[in-house]
Protein backbone atom coordinates (compact mmCIF):
# COMPACT_ATOMS: atom_id res chain seq x y z
CA MET A 1 88.08 -23.22 119.96
CA ARG A 2 86.87 -21.68 116.71
CA LYS A 3 90.06 -19.56 116.60
CA LEU A 4 92.15 -22.71 116.21
CA ASN A 5 90.62 -23.13 112.78
CA VAL A 6 91.81 -19.68 111.76
CA TRP A 7 95.29 -20.27 113.16
CA PHE A 8 95.90 -23.39 111.08
CA LEU A 9 94.61 -21.73 107.94
CA LEU A 10 97.04 -18.88 108.35
CA LEU A 11 100.02 -21.05 109.17
CA VAL A 12 100.10 -22.53 105.70
CA VAL A 13 99.20 -19.39 103.81
CA ILE A 14 102.07 -17.45 105.39
CA THR A 15 104.65 -20.06 104.40
CA SER A 16 103.56 -20.41 100.81
CA PHE A 17 101.93 -17.14 99.81
CA SER A 18 104.87 -15.67 97.91
CA ILE A 19 105.72 -18.95 96.19
CA VAL A 20 102.31 -19.19 94.56
CA SER A 21 102.56 -15.98 92.60
CA CYS A 22 106.18 -16.42 91.53
CA LYS A 23 105.79 -19.90 90.11
CA ASN A 24 102.27 -19.98 88.75
CA LYS A 25 100.88 -16.51 88.40
CA ASN A 26 101.24 -16.01 84.67
CA LYS A 27 102.26 -19.42 83.43
CA GLN A 28 99.88 -20.72 80.77
CA LEU A 29 99.43 -24.51 80.85
CA THR A 30 97.55 -26.83 78.52
CA PRO A 31 94.72 -28.92 80.06
CA GLU A 32 96.97 -31.98 79.97
CA GLU A 33 99.79 -30.09 81.68
CA ILE A 34 97.40 -28.86 84.36
CA ILE A 35 96.27 -32.39 85.21
CA ALA A 36 99.89 -33.60 85.24
CA SER A 37 100.88 -30.67 87.46
CA ILE A 38 98.10 -31.43 89.96
CA LYS A 39 99.15 -35.08 90.16
CA ASP A 40 102.81 -34.14 90.60
CA LYS A 41 101.99 -31.66 93.34
CA PHE A 42 99.87 -34.21 95.13
CA LYS A 43 102.77 -36.68 95.04
CA GLY A 44 105.19 -34.00 96.23
CA ALA A 45 102.98 -33.25 99.21
CA ASP A 46 103.91 -36.61 100.73
CA THR A 47 106.93 -34.89 102.29
CA ILE A 48 104.67 -32.58 104.31
CA PRO A 49 103.97 -34.23 107.68
CA ILE A 50 100.39 -34.93 108.70
CA ASP A 51 99.62 -33.81 112.22
CA ARG A 52 98.46 -37.16 113.63
CA SER A 53 97.87 -35.57 117.03
CA ILE A 54 94.65 -34.19 115.58
CA ASP A 55 91.96 -36.88 115.66
CA SER A 56 88.32 -37.27 116.63
CA THR A 57 89.23 -37.14 120.31
CA THR A 58 91.43 -34.02 120.21
CA ALA A 59 89.98 -31.96 117.34
CA TYR A 60 87.60 -29.11 117.95
CA ASN A 61 85.87 -30.23 114.75
CA THR A 62 84.43 -33.71 114.12
CA LEU A 63 84.44 -33.28 110.35
CA PHE A 64 87.39 -34.67 108.39
CA LEU A 65 88.14 -34.81 104.66
CA ASP A 66 89.35 -37.88 102.79
CA SER A 67 92.61 -37.08 100.97
CA ALA A 68 91.39 -39.06 97.96
CA ASP A 69 88.33 -36.81 97.75
CA VAL A 70 90.57 -33.74 97.91
CA LYS A 71 92.67 -35.04 95.04
CA GLN A 72 89.62 -35.86 92.94
CA PHE A 73 88.17 -32.39 93.52
CA MET A 74 91.39 -30.84 92.25
CA LEU A 75 91.43 -33.02 89.14
CA ASP A 76 87.79 -32.13 88.47
CA ASN A 77 88.45 -28.41 88.99
CA PRO A 78 91.74 -27.58 87.23
CA GLU A 79 91.31 -23.84 87.91
CA VAL A 80 92.71 -24.48 91.40
CA GLU A 81 96.02 -25.73 89.94
CA PRO A 82 98.03 -22.63 91.02
CA PHE A 83 97.06 -23.29 94.65
CA VAL A 84 97.17 -27.10 94.79
CA SER A 85 100.44 -27.33 96.75
CA ASP A 86 99.25 -24.77 99.27
CA MET A 87 95.85 -26.36 99.74
CA ILE A 88 97.31 -29.84 100.23
CA ALA A 89 99.90 -28.55 102.68
CA PHE A 90 97.18 -26.68 104.54
CA TYR A 91 94.98 -29.73 105.01
CA ARG A 92 97.85 -32.08 105.83
CA THR A 93 98.96 -29.81 108.68
CA ARG A 94 95.47 -30.14 110.15
CA ASN A 95 95.07 -33.89 109.39
CA PHE A 96 92.42 -33.01 106.76
CA GLN A 97 90.11 -31.45 109.33
CA TYR A 98 87.46 -29.18 107.79
CA ALA A 99 88.19 -25.44 108.04
CA TRP A 100 84.95 -23.73 106.99
CA PHE A 101 82.38 -26.22 108.35
CA ASP A 102 81.77 -27.93 111.66
CA SER A 103 78.97 -30.14 112.91
CA THR A 104 76.63 -27.16 113.15
CA GLY A 105 77.15 -26.15 109.54
CA MET A 106 79.07 -23.38 107.80
CA ILE A 107 80.98 -21.31 110.36
CA GLU A 108 80.78 -17.53 110.75
CA GLN A 109 84.17 -16.89 109.12
CA ALA A 110 82.85 -18.30 105.84
CA SER A 111 79.99 -15.80 105.71
CA ASN A 112 82.33 -12.95 106.63
CA PHE A 113 84.75 -13.96 103.89
CA ILE A 114 81.96 -14.03 101.28
CA ASN A 115 80.91 -10.54 102.44
CA VAL A 116 84.47 -9.28 101.96
CA LEU A 117 84.52 -10.74 98.43
CA ASN A 118 81.20 -9.06 97.59
CA ASN A 119 82.36 -5.71 98.97
CA ASN A 120 85.65 -5.93 97.08
CA GLU A 121 83.82 -6.70 93.84
CA ALA A 122 81.37 -3.83 94.31
CA LEU A 123 84.15 -1.31 94.93
CA HIS A 124 86.48 -2.33 92.13
CA LYS A 125 83.84 -3.47 89.61
CA ASP A 126 85.91 -6.59 89.13
CA SER A 127 84.29 -10.02 89.11
CA THR A 128 87.35 -11.95 87.90
CA LEU A 129 87.99 -13.31 91.39
CA ARG A 130 84.48 -14.72 91.73
CA ASP A 131 83.99 -18.48 91.81
CA LYS A 132 80.39 -18.42 90.55
CA LYS A 133 79.67 -21.97 91.62
CA LEU A 134 80.90 -21.25 95.15
CA PHE A 135 78.57 -18.28 95.50
CA THR A 136 75.62 -20.35 94.29
CA MET A 137 76.49 -23.12 96.74
CA PHE A 138 76.95 -20.62 99.54
CA GLU A 139 73.40 -19.30 99.22
CA LYS A 140 72.01 -22.83 99.37
CA MET A 141 74.20 -24.06 102.24
CA LYS A 142 74.74 -21.13 104.58
CA ASN A 143 71.89 -22.11 106.87
CA ILE A 144 71.92 -25.92 106.74
CA ASP A 145 73.17 -28.18 109.50
CA VAL A 146 75.96 -30.64 108.78
CA ASP A 147 75.62 -33.64 111.06
CA SER A 148 77.67 -36.82 110.95
CA THR A 149 75.43 -38.37 108.29
CA LYS A 150 75.99 -35.44 105.92
CA ARG A 151 79.68 -34.80 106.43
CA SER A 152 80.73 -36.86 103.38
CA GLU A 153 78.18 -35.34 101.06
CA LYS A 154 79.83 -34.06 97.93
CA ASN A 155 78.35 -30.57 98.09
CA VAL A 156 79.73 -29.93 101.58
CA LEU A 157 83.18 -31.18 100.58
CA GLU A 158 83.11 -29.13 97.39
CA ALA A 159 82.03 -25.96 99.20
CA GLU A 160 84.81 -26.46 101.76
CA LEU A 161 87.51 -26.81 99.11
CA ARG A 162 86.14 -24.01 96.95
CA LEU A 163 86.20 -21.65 99.92
CA THR A 164 89.83 -22.54 100.63
CA GLY A 165 90.83 -22.10 96.99
CA GLN A 166 88.95 -18.80 96.85
CA PHE A 167 90.80 -17.53 99.91
CA PHE A 168 94.20 -18.23 98.34
CA LYS A 169 93.12 -16.59 95.09
CA PHE A 170 91.73 -13.53 96.87
CA ALA A 171 94.80 -13.14 99.09
CA GLN A 172 97.17 -13.36 96.13
CA SER A 173 95.25 -10.92 93.94
CA THR A 174 94.33 -8.41 96.63
CA TYR A 175 97.55 -8.22 98.59
CA GLU A 176 100.14 -9.02 95.92
CA GLY A 177 98.47 -7.68 92.79
CA LYS A 178 97.13 -9.28 89.66
CA ILE A 179 100.13 -8.54 87.47
CA ASP A 180 103.71 -9.79 87.52
CA ALA A 181 105.41 -6.50 88.42
CA GLU A 182 108.85 -7.49 87.12
CA LYS A 183 107.43 -8.14 83.65
CA LEU A 184 106.47 -4.47 83.63
CA GLY A 185 109.91 -3.32 84.74
CA TRP A 186 109.14 -2.91 88.45
CA PHE A 187 112.01 -4.29 90.53
CA ILE A 188 111.09 -3.14 94.03
CA PRO A 189 110.70 -6.31 96.15
CA LYS A 190 107.08 -7.05 96.87
CA LYS A 191 105.81 -6.40 100.33
CA LYS A 192 105.40 -9.23 102.81
CA VAL A 193 102.05 -9.58 104.52
CA ASP A 194 101.42 -10.94 108.01
CA ILE A 195 98.73 -13.39 106.98
CA ASN A 196 97.75 -14.07 110.58
CA VAL A 197 96.63 -10.46 110.94
CA LEU A 198 95.34 -10.51 107.37
CA PHE A 199 92.89 -13.29 108.11
CA ASP A 200 91.63 -11.70 111.31
CA SER A 201 91.16 -8.31 109.66
CA THR A 202 89.93 -9.35 106.23
CA VAL A 203 87.80 -12.36 107.00
CA LYS A 204 86.42 -11.14 110.32
CA ALA A 205 86.11 -7.48 109.36
CA LYS A 206 82.70 -6.00 108.56
CA ASN A 207 84.08 -3.14 106.47
CA LEU A 208 86.26 -2.42 103.45
CA ASN A 209 89.04 -0.75 105.41
CA ALA A 210 90.62 -4.06 106.42
CA GLU A 211 92.74 -4.02 103.25
CA LYS A 212 94.47 -0.82 104.29
CA LEU A 213 96.23 -2.56 107.16
CA PHE A 214 98.22 -4.64 104.69
CA MET A 215 99.03 -2.01 102.09
CA ASN A 216 101.42 0.87 101.86
CA PRO A 217 99.51 4.04 102.90
CA ILE A 218 99.53 5.02 99.22
CA TYR A 219 96.87 2.36 98.68
CA GLY A 220 94.39 3.52 101.29
CA LYS A 221 94.65 7.14 100.20
CA LEU A 222 94.14 6.25 96.53
CA GLN A 223 91.23 3.99 97.38
CA GLU A 224 89.49 6.89 99.13
CA GLN A 225 89.94 8.96 95.97
CA LEU A 226 88.57 6.11 93.84
CA ILE A 227 85.42 6.03 95.97
CA ARG A 228 85.16 9.83 95.75
CA TYR A 229 85.69 10.03 91.99
CA LYS A 230 83.19 7.25 91.27
CA LYS A 231 80.48 9.65 92.44
CA PHE A 232 81.50 12.10 89.69
CA LYS A 233 80.11 9.68 87.08
CA GLU A 234 76.67 10.95 88.09
CA GLU A 235 77.67 14.55 87.27
CA PRO A 236 77.29 16.21 83.84
CA TRP A 237 80.62 16.22 82.01
CA ASP A 238 80.15 18.50 79.02
CA SER A 239 83.23 19.36 77.01
CA VAL A 240 85.01 22.62 77.80
CA THR A 241 85.86 24.55 74.62
CA ILE A 242 87.91 27.64 73.74
CA SER A 243 85.92 29.89 71.43
CA LYS A 244 88.87 31.84 70.08
CA GLY A 245 92.65 31.91 70.49
CA LYS A 246 94.80 29.73 72.72
CA GLN A 247 93.05 30.11 76.07
CA LEU A 248 89.73 30.72 77.76
CA THR A 249 88.78 34.38 78.06
CA PRO A 250 85.99 36.18 79.97
CA ALA A 251 83.90 35.81 76.80
CA ASP A 252 83.87 32.01 77.23
CA SER A 253 81.21 32.24 79.94
CA THR A 254 79.70 28.79 79.32
CA SER A 255 83.10 27.08 79.53
CA ILE A 256 84.07 29.10 82.61
CA LEU A 257 80.93 27.84 84.34
CA LEU A 258 81.77 24.25 83.38
CA VAL A 259 85.35 24.62 84.60
CA LYS A 260 84.28 26.15 87.92
CA ARG A 261 81.78 23.34 88.45
CA ARG A 262 84.41 20.71 87.68
CA LEU A 263 87.15 22.31 89.77
CA SER A 264 84.65 22.61 92.60
CA LEU A 265 84.14 18.83 92.47
CA PHE A 266 87.90 18.28 92.42
CA GLY A 267 88.44 20.62 95.37
CA ASP A 268 90.50 23.24 93.53
CA TYR A 269 87.72 25.85 93.59
CA THR A 270 85.69 26.82 96.67
CA GLY A 271 83.88 29.97 95.52
CA ASN A 272 80.51 30.58 93.85
CA VAL A 273 79.97 28.39 90.80
CA ASP A 274 79.21 31.07 88.23
CA ASN A 275 80.50 32.13 84.80
CA VAL A 276 82.72 35.00 85.98
CA TYR A 277 86.42 35.01 85.06
CA ASP A 278 87.78 36.35 88.37
CA SER A 279 90.86 36.01 90.58
CA ALA A 280 89.34 33.02 92.40
CA PHE A 281 88.98 31.30 89.03
CA THR A 282 92.64 32.02 88.21
CA GLN A 283 93.78 30.58 91.55
CA ALA A 284 91.67 27.47 91.01
CA VAL A 285 93.21 26.94 87.58
CA LYS A 286 96.66 27.33 89.12
CA SER A 287 95.79 24.79 91.83
CA TYR A 288 94.67 22.29 89.21
CA GLN A 289 97.80 22.90 87.13
CA LYS A 290 99.98 22.16 90.14
CA ARG A 291 98.18 18.90 90.83
CA TYR A 292 98.61 17.81 87.23
CA GLY A 293 102.20 18.91 86.77
CA LEU A 294 101.30 21.60 84.23
CA ASN A 295 102.94 25.02 84.05
CA GLU A 296 101.48 26.91 87.03
CA THR A 297 100.45 30.06 85.20
CA GLY A 298 96.82 30.31 86.27
CA VAL A 299 96.01 30.70 82.57
CA PRO A 300 93.35 28.25 81.25
CA ASP A 301 95.30 27.45 78.08
CA LYS A 302 94.93 24.54 75.66
CA ALA A 303 96.93 22.14 77.84
CA PHE A 304 94.68 22.95 80.80
CA VAL A 305 91.48 22.56 78.80
CA ARG A 306 92.65 19.27 77.30
CA SER A 307 93.41 17.97 80.78
CA VAL A 308 90.21 19.16 82.46
CA ASN A 309 88.20 17.46 79.70
CA THR A 310 89.57 14.04 80.69
CA PRO A 311 86.56 11.70 81.05
CA VAL A 312 85.79 10.40 84.54
CA ASP A 313 86.21 6.82 83.33
CA SER A 314 89.78 7.59 82.25
CA ILE A 315 90.54 9.08 85.67
CA LEU A 316 89.06 6.01 87.38
CA LYS A 317 91.19 3.70 85.24
CA LYS A 318 94.28 5.66 86.18
CA LEU A 319 93.42 5.33 89.86
CA VAL A 320 92.88 1.57 89.55
CA ILE A 321 96.21 1.18 87.73
CA ASN A 322 98.04 3.00 90.51
CA LEU A 323 96.16 1.07 93.19
CA GLU A 324 97.64 -2.04 91.60
CA ARG A 325 101.12 -0.50 91.83
CA ALA A 326 100.52 0.35 95.48
CA LYS A 327 100.06 -3.37 96.14
CA TRP A 328 103.66 -3.90 95.04
CA MET A 329 105.10 -1.49 97.59
CA PRO A 330 106.51 -2.42 101.01
CA VAL A 331 103.87 -2.04 103.72
CA ASP A 332 106.18 -0.12 106.04
CA MET A 333 108.74 2.26 104.60
CA ALA A 334 112.04 2.85 106.37
CA PRO A 335 111.82 5.94 108.62
CA THR A 336 114.52 7.69 106.56
CA TYR A 337 114.65 7.37 102.77
CA ALA A 338 114.92 9.17 99.44
CA TRP A 339 111.98 8.83 97.07
CA VAL A 340 111.90 9.70 93.38
CA ASN A 341 108.55 9.32 91.68
CA ILE A 342 109.71 9.28 88.07
CA PRO A 343 106.62 10.89 86.43
CA GLU A 344 106.65 13.62 89.10
CA PHE A 345 110.26 14.64 88.30
CA LYS A 346 110.97 15.24 91.99
CA LEU A 347 113.18 13.91 94.76
CA ASN A 348 111.46 13.78 98.15
CA VAL A 349 113.62 13.24 101.24
CA TYR A 350 112.11 11.75 104.40
CA GLU A 351 113.63 11.61 107.87
CA ASN A 352 111.86 9.94 110.79
CA LYS A 353 108.88 9.51 108.44
CA ASN A 354 108.56 13.27 107.86
CA LYS A 355 109.40 15.00 104.60
CA VAL A 356 112.32 17.36 105.21
CA PHE A 357 112.74 18.76 101.69
CA ASP A 358 112.26 18.09 98.00
CA MET A 359 113.83 19.24 94.76
CA ASN A 360 113.35 18.99 91.02
CA VAL A 361 115.11 16.19 89.20
CA VAL A 362 115.71 15.10 85.62
CA VAL A 363 114.90 11.45 84.87
CA GLY A 364 115.51 9.10 81.97
CA SER A 365 114.01 9.91 78.60
CA GLN A 366 111.41 7.78 76.84
CA ALA A 367 114.25 6.12 74.95
CA ASN A 368 116.33 5.61 78.13
CA ASN A 369 113.84 4.79 80.89
CA THR A 370 114.93 5.13 84.50
CA VAL A 371 114.54 1.69 86.07
CA ILE A 372 112.03 1.22 88.90
CA PHE A 373 113.86 -0.34 91.86
CA THR A 374 115.25 0.25 95.34
CA ASP A 375 118.73 0.02 96.86
CA ILE A 376 120.82 1.48 99.67
CA MET A 377 122.67 4.81 99.45
CA GLU A 378 126.32 4.13 100.36
CA TYR A 379 128.73 6.68 98.81
CA VAL A 380 129.16 10.34 98.01
CA VAL A 381 131.72 10.97 95.26
CA PHE A 382 133.13 14.48 94.81
CA ALA A 383 134.82 15.55 91.57
CA PRO A 384 133.75 12.36 89.79
CA TYR A 385 135.09 10.99 86.57
CA TRP A 386 132.41 10.01 84.10
CA GLY A 387 133.03 6.67 82.47
CA VAL A 388 131.07 7.14 79.27
CA PRO A 389 128.88 4.06 78.62
CA ALA A 390 129.81 2.13 75.49
CA SER A 391 126.36 2.74 74.01
CA ILE A 392 126.84 6.52 74.27
CA VAL A 393 130.38 6.26 72.90
CA LYS A 394 129.09 4.37 69.90
CA LYS A 395 125.95 6.43 69.22
CA GLU A 396 127.11 9.93 70.20
CA ILE A 397 130.84 10.33 70.92
CA LEU A 398 132.33 8.56 67.89
CA PRO A 399 130.15 10.47 65.38
CA ALA A 400 131.06 13.72 67.17
CA MET A 401 134.76 12.82 66.98
CA GLN A 402 134.43 12.26 63.25
CA ARG A 403 132.85 15.67 62.81
CA ASN A 404 135.40 17.42 65.04
CA GLY A 405 138.84 15.97 65.70
CA ASN A 406 139.19 18.21 68.76
CA TYR A 407 135.95 16.97 70.36
CA LEU A 408 137.57 14.98 73.21
CA ALA A 409 139.96 17.74 74.28
CA ARG A 410 137.25 20.37 74.09
CA ASN A 411 135.05 18.31 76.42
CA ASP A 412 137.81 17.28 78.86
CA MET A 413 137.59 13.66 77.72
CA GLU A 414 140.29 11.04 77.32
CA ILE A 415 140.65 7.55 75.90
CA THR A 416 141.73 5.04 78.55
CA GLY A 417 141.54 1.79 76.61
CA ASN A 418 139.61 -0.26 74.09
CA SER A 419 136.83 -2.82 74.43
CA GLY A 420 135.41 -4.80 71.55
CA GLY A 421 136.76 -2.36 69.02
CA ILE A 422 135.17 0.62 70.78
CA PRO A 423 137.41 3.07 72.66
CA THR A 424 136.91 3.35 76.42
CA ILE A 425 136.36 7.03 77.16
CA ARG A 426 136.04 8.95 80.39
CA GLN A 427 135.45 12.59 81.17
CA LYS A 428 137.75 14.29 83.67
CA PRO A 429 136.46 15.98 86.85
CA GLY A 430 135.49 19.60 86.46
CA PRO A 431 132.69 21.97 85.48
CA LYS A 432 132.26 20.38 82.03
CA ASN A 433 131.76 16.90 83.46
CA SER A 434 128.33 15.51 82.58
CA LEU A 435 127.95 14.26 86.16
CA GLY A 436 128.64 17.74 87.47
CA LEU A 437 130.64 18.13 90.67
CA VAL A 438 129.25 15.29 92.79
CA LYS A 439 127.45 11.98 92.45
CA PHE A 440 125.67 9.72 94.92
CA LEU A 441 125.95 5.95 94.66
CA PHE A 442 123.44 3.34 95.75
CA PRO A 443 125.21 0.41 94.02
CA ASN A 444 122.84 -1.57 91.81
CA ALA A 445 122.69 -3.82 88.78
CA TYR A 446 121.35 -1.02 86.57
CA ASP A 447 124.24 1.44 87.01
CA ILE A 448 121.82 4.19 88.04
CA TYR A 449 122.79 6.91 90.51
CA PHE A 450 122.08 10.52 91.49
CA HIS A 451 124.37 13.27 90.20
CA ASP A 452 124.88 16.96 89.63
CA THR A 453 124.81 18.38 86.10
CA PRO A 454 126.20 21.43 84.28
CA SER A 455 122.89 21.64 82.36
CA LYS A 456 120.87 23.60 84.90
CA TRP A 457 118.37 24.83 82.31
CA ALA A 458 116.51 21.51 82.34
CA PHE A 459 115.19 22.04 85.87
CA ASN A 460 112.99 24.91 84.69
CA ARG A 461 111.01 22.63 82.37
CA SER A 462 107.73 21.06 83.49
CA ASN A 463 108.60 17.78 81.74
CA ARG A 464 112.08 16.66 82.71
CA ASP A 465 112.51 13.22 81.11
CA LEU A 466 115.80 14.03 79.40
CA SER A 467 118.63 11.90 80.83
CA HIS A 468 120.19 8.61 79.79
CA GLY A 469 118.57 6.95 82.82
CA CYS A 470 120.34 8.40 85.86
CA ILE A 471 118.79 11.04 88.12
CA ARG A 472 120.10 14.62 87.91
CA LEU A 473 119.61 16.70 91.06
CA GLU A 474 118.72 20.39 91.07
CA GLN A 475 120.39 21.01 94.46
CA PRO A 476 123.19 18.44 94.83
CA ALA A 477 125.07 20.41 97.53
CA LYS A 478 121.96 20.47 99.73
CA PHE A 479 121.49 16.75 99.28
CA ALA A 480 125.18 16.08 100.04
CA GLN A 481 124.97 18.09 103.24
CA TRP A 482 121.91 16.11 104.33
CA VAL A 483 123.45 12.74 103.43
CA LEU A 484 126.60 13.59 105.46
CA ARG A 485 124.70 15.31 108.29
CA TYR A 486 125.91 12.78 110.89
CA ASN A 487 129.27 14.61 111.01
CA PRO A 488 128.46 18.32 110.50
CA GLN A 489 131.87 19.49 111.81
CA LYS A 490 133.83 17.51 109.24
CA TYR A 491 131.31 17.65 106.41
CA SER A 492 130.24 21.25 106.77
CA ALA A 493 128.63 23.32 104.02
CA ALA A 494 132.01 25.00 103.43
CA TYR A 495 133.75 21.62 103.14
CA ILE A 496 131.19 20.33 100.65
CA ASP A 497 131.42 23.53 98.61
CA SER A 498 135.22 23.23 98.55
CA MET A 499 135.11 19.57 97.53
CA MET A 500 132.71 20.38 94.71
CA HIS A 501 134.36 23.52 93.33
CA LYS A 502 138.07 23.44 94.25
CA ASN A 503 138.82 19.76 94.31
CA THR A 504 140.19 18.19 91.10
CA LYS A 505 140.75 14.69 92.44
CA GLU A 506 137.92 12.16 92.56
CA THR A 507 137.13 11.60 96.24
CA HIS A 508 134.89 8.82 97.60
CA ILE A 509 133.23 9.15 101.01
CA LYS A 510 131.53 6.06 102.37
CA ILE A 511 128.44 6.88 104.39
CA ASN A 512 128.51 5.48 107.93
CA LYS A 513 126.54 2.24 108.01
CA GLU A 514 123.97 3.48 110.51
CA TYR A 515 123.25 6.51 108.30
CA GLN A 516 122.84 4.64 105.03
CA PHE A 517 119.26 4.72 103.77
CA PRO A 518 117.11 3.22 101.03
CA VAL A 519 116.47 4.99 97.76
CA TYR A 520 113.16 4.25 96.04
CA LEU A 521 112.74 4.96 92.34
CA VAL A 522 109.01 4.46 91.75
CA TYR A 523 106.43 5.11 89.05
CA PHE A 524 103.06 6.52 90.13
CA THR A 525 100.97 8.57 87.73
CA SER A 526 98.43 9.26 90.46
CA TRP A 527 98.94 9.51 94.21
CA VAL A 528 97.74 11.54 97.17
CA ALA A 529 100.06 14.29 98.41
CA ASP A 530 100.81 14.99 102.06
CA ASP A 531 98.15 17.73 102.02
CA GLY A 532 95.49 15.20 100.95
CA ARG A 533 95.17 16.38 97.35
CA LEU A 534 95.06 13.94 94.45
CA MET A 535 98.04 14.41 92.14
CA MET A 536 98.12 13.28 88.50
CA ARG A 537 100.94 13.00 85.98
CA ASP A 538 101.46 11.95 82.38
CA ASP A 539 102.38 8.36 81.64
CA ILE A 540 105.81 9.27 80.26
CA TYR A 541 107.00 5.67 79.71
CA ASN A 542 103.63 4.18 78.63
CA HIS A 543 103.65 1.92 81.69
CA ASP A 544 99.99 2.79 82.37
CA LYS A 545 99.12 1.72 78.85
CA GLU A 546 100.78 -1.67 79.39
CA MET A 547 98.96 -2.19 82.68
CA GLU A 548 95.64 -1.11 81.21
CA ALA A 549 95.94 -3.86 78.61
CA LYS A 550 96.34 -6.41 81.41
CA LEU A 551 93.86 -5.05 83.95
CA PHE A 552 90.95 -4.06 81.71
CA ILE A 553 90.27 -6.95 79.36
């Protein structure tokens, strides 16, 4: 019968979980507004039916709350205001039957839940979720009996309601994230959690791995790295220095020893930890450079030394920031999708949950950030026109036209109209077109798409944040062939090549519905690669900096 208690608890959480964060998560209310809000929510709860079938003769539990006591608790404890509607709805659907106590005292689920909270706090070094009074009460009450003469005692009622409020707060923070993602420019819909399974796994679990069941795999992999890197705080972390010139040389024996020791911790170096500048050292440097998105030269230059001197605390902060982002991701990705991690400057293509290929990309510059969102790939457009955005016309094209009256003709551009005193300009299909020879549309509110480019030089750079916001592909023909793979006879490699290089008329091909797939444009500055290695990238848009200000106060 104890499971019935769990079932009711979950029923309400699952219906209201997403509403809580959207409406209340970051709204700052005055004390007077909080009290008024609690009263309004209590009135509004009258529309939620009370399950009258639950009474002293049918309930598994003989302990019942008085709704007036519930209301008074909420007025006395305004910190529960964000969860008032959910808590009231929860108790009304169980006719105000206790959830965490029965006639024998505090039930096992309550102790398990407190253990999960303690474990979560120890791992993340974050006590902001802790209801200090609840934890004090828990220690005093966990072993007492609650018979019929004690069921109305204020401390039992308060512990019951504090446990329920703490569960809502924990669920929201842990499985949705502490930050309003959209306020930080993240427009990928938040994942939905099966709270029924969540309760069973989180509250009943004896270990920390329960969270992983409700997160995108990115989360679990990053959490493992967080645990691993926390141990490095116990290691010496002396600064690596270059004695002369622009890179470490065999003469820098002390620094070489430090680097080998550090790269050994990271997993880039597996040889003897000595001060010898050898081929194994060069390969380890190259491995580290690859993980950090540096030029893979194997040369321990200034950029390498600056990076390898990053304090452990800074690395840990970066991991925590990206763990928070992982909470915003869908739990289960579609089996087939395209994935661009903006700071990585790469497109990764997955089919049946396996990566089939990747390629370099160019993303939006710091002044023209690529938006973080997801949508469905629907069209391939060969020989595209480029409708020059009004902002580019105003800032770049018009000044160029003033400097050179032949600018439009020289760049295969034409004026097609006028809007608000600014000419409407488009660039004709062809090799000069800024979109190259093909573009790929996943229609969205941000007017962002994939496209070819005549500027191939950019793909050889390590930092490729150069565009006006759209994604330039290094191998557009390869991507087109994969997108249209469902009809290889019609859309052969020869056909695609012809459409890209011989065609002068803009041609739209709609992808068959069953072969359309989601495109994810995401922003992770740390993640774990398919080979299990931790990857790190620069915070090109300062999104980490914004999150740090909110997470580490």
